Amino acid sequence: MNVGLCVVEIHLIGSHSLKEKRRVLRRLKDQIRAKFNIAVAEIDHQDLWQRATLGMVSISSSREPLEACFSKVRAILEREIPGDLASFHVEFLS
């Protein structure tokens, strides 16, 4: 069994309120959950308007599907977020 843990920091340049930030993050989280069936949660910076940290986790029998999954998640985030992807860190536990 392999577990993939991904921590993503996002800088939401155009966000002007917590309500706007939460709307953007909810759309991203729902899209990732639906497409990849992985757990996603905002894990830090809940009180800041333009910054967010998302944690994602998935389990697989081997590492390769996890690598492919998180690679696709990164592509979606880079395409969909209205801002910058500040960091994208993936860790594998086996």
Protein backbone atom coordinates (compact mmCIF):
# COMPACT_ATOMS: atom_id res chain seq x y z
CA MET A 1 0.00 0.00 0.00
CA ASN A 2 1.25 3.46 -0.91
CA VAL A 3 -0.06 6.78 0.37
CA GLY A 4 0.49 10.03 -1.52
CA LEU A 5 0.36 13.29 0.40
CA CYS A 6 0.34 16.57 -1.48
CA VAL A 7 0.56 20.05 0.07
CA VAL A 8 -0.15 23.02 -2.18
CA GLU A 9 0.23 26.71 -1.41
CA ILE A 10 -1.77 29.09 -3.56
CA HIS A 11 -1.57 32.87 -3.89
CA LEU A 12 -4.98 34.18 -4.99
CA ILE A 13 -4.07 37.53 -6.52
CA GLY A 14 -7.60 38.65 -7.41
CA SER A 15 -9.30 37.69 -4.16
CA HIS A 16 -10.68 40.65 -2.19
CA SER A 17 -12.59 38.86 0.57
CA LEU A 18 -12.74 35.59 2.46
CA LYS A 19 -16.08 34.88 0.77
CA GLU A 20 -14.50 35.17 -2.67
CA LYS A 21 -11.54 33.01 -1.62
CA ARG A 22 -13.83 30.29 -0.25
CA ARG A 23 -15.88 30.30 -3.47
CA VAL A 24 -12.75 29.74 -5.56
CA LEU A 25 -11.41 27.03 -3.25
CA ARG A 26 -14.76 25.22 -3.07
CA ARG A 27 -14.88 25.03 -6.87
CA LEU A 28 -11.30 23.72 -7.03
CA LYS A 29 -11.80 21.17 -4.26
CA ASP A 30 -15.06 19.88 -5.77
CA GLN A 31 -13.45 19.55 -9.19
CA ILE A 32 -10.44 17.63 -7.82
CA ARG A 33 -12.62 15.34 -5.67
CA ALA A 34 -14.94 14.53 -8.56
CA LYS A 35 -12.23 13.93 -11.14
CA PHE A 36 -9.67 12.03 -9.06
CA ASN A 37 -11.58 10.74 -6.01
CA ILE A 38 -8.96 12.02 -3.55
CA ALA A 39 -9.41 13.76 -0.21
CA VAL A 40 -8.88 17.54 -0.31
CA ALA A 41 -9.03 20.08 2.53
CA GLU A 42 -7.87 23.60 3.27
CA ILE A 43 -5.29 23.06 6.00
CA ASP A 44 -3.80 26.51 6.66
CA HIS A 45 -4.31 30.26 6.15
CA GLN A 46 -8.09 30.05 6.54
CA ASP A 47 -8.22 33.66 7.74
CA LEU A 48 -6.18 35.24 4.91
CA TRP A 49 -7.86 36.54 1.74
CA GLN A 50 -5.16 35.88 -0.82
CA ARG A 51 -3.38 32.82 0.51
CA ALA A 52 -4.47 29.21 0.84
CA THR A 53 -2.87 25.88 1.66
CA LEU A 54 -4.57 22.72 0.46
CA GLY A 55 -3.77 19.21 1.61
CA MET A 56 -4.60 16.21 -0.58
CA VAL A 57 -4.20 12.51 0.08
CA SER A 58 -4.71 9.36 -1.96
CA ILE A 59 -4.01 5.65 -1.50
CA SER A 60 -2.96 3.13 -4.15
CA SER A 61 -1.34 -0.28 -4.45
CA SER A 62 1.71 1.24 -6.17
CA ARG A 63 3.43 4.61 -6.45
CA GLU A 64 3.04 5.16 -10.21
CA PRO A 65 -0.73 5.85 -10.18
CA LEU A 66 -0.24 8.32 -7.35
CA GLU A 67 2.48 10.17 -9.27
CA ALA A 68 0.25 10.35 -12.35
CA CYS A 69 -2.72 11.53 -10.31
CA PHE A 70 -0.85 14.34 -8.57
CA SER A 71 0.74 15.38 -11.85
CA LYS A 72 -2.74 15.82 -13.34
CA VAL A 73 -3.90 17.68 -10.21
CA ARG A 74 -0.99 20.09 -10.61
CA ALA A 75 -1.93 20.72 -14.25
CA ILE A 76 -5.52 21.50 -13.24
CA LEU A 77 -4.41 23.85 -10.48
CA GLU A 78 -2.01 25.71 -12.77
CA ARG A 79 -4.76 26.11 -15.35
CA GLU A 80 -7.71 26.91 -13.04
CA ILE A 81 -6.49 29.04 -10.13
CA PRO A 82 -6.90 32.80 -10.48
CA GLY A 83 -3.42 33.43 -9.14
CA ASP A 84 -0.09 31.72 -8.62
CA LEU A 85 0.84 28.23 -7.49
CA ALA A 86 3.39 29.18 -4.79
CA SER A 87 4.45 25.60 -3.97
CA PHE A 88 3.50 22.03 -4.79
CA HIS A 89 5.05 19.32 -2.62
CA VAL A 90 4.31 15.60 -2.92
CA GLU A 91 5.44 12.97 -0.42
CA PHE A 92 4.97 9.22 -0.67
CA LEU A 93 4.62 6.85 2.26
CA SER A 94 4.79 3.10 1.80
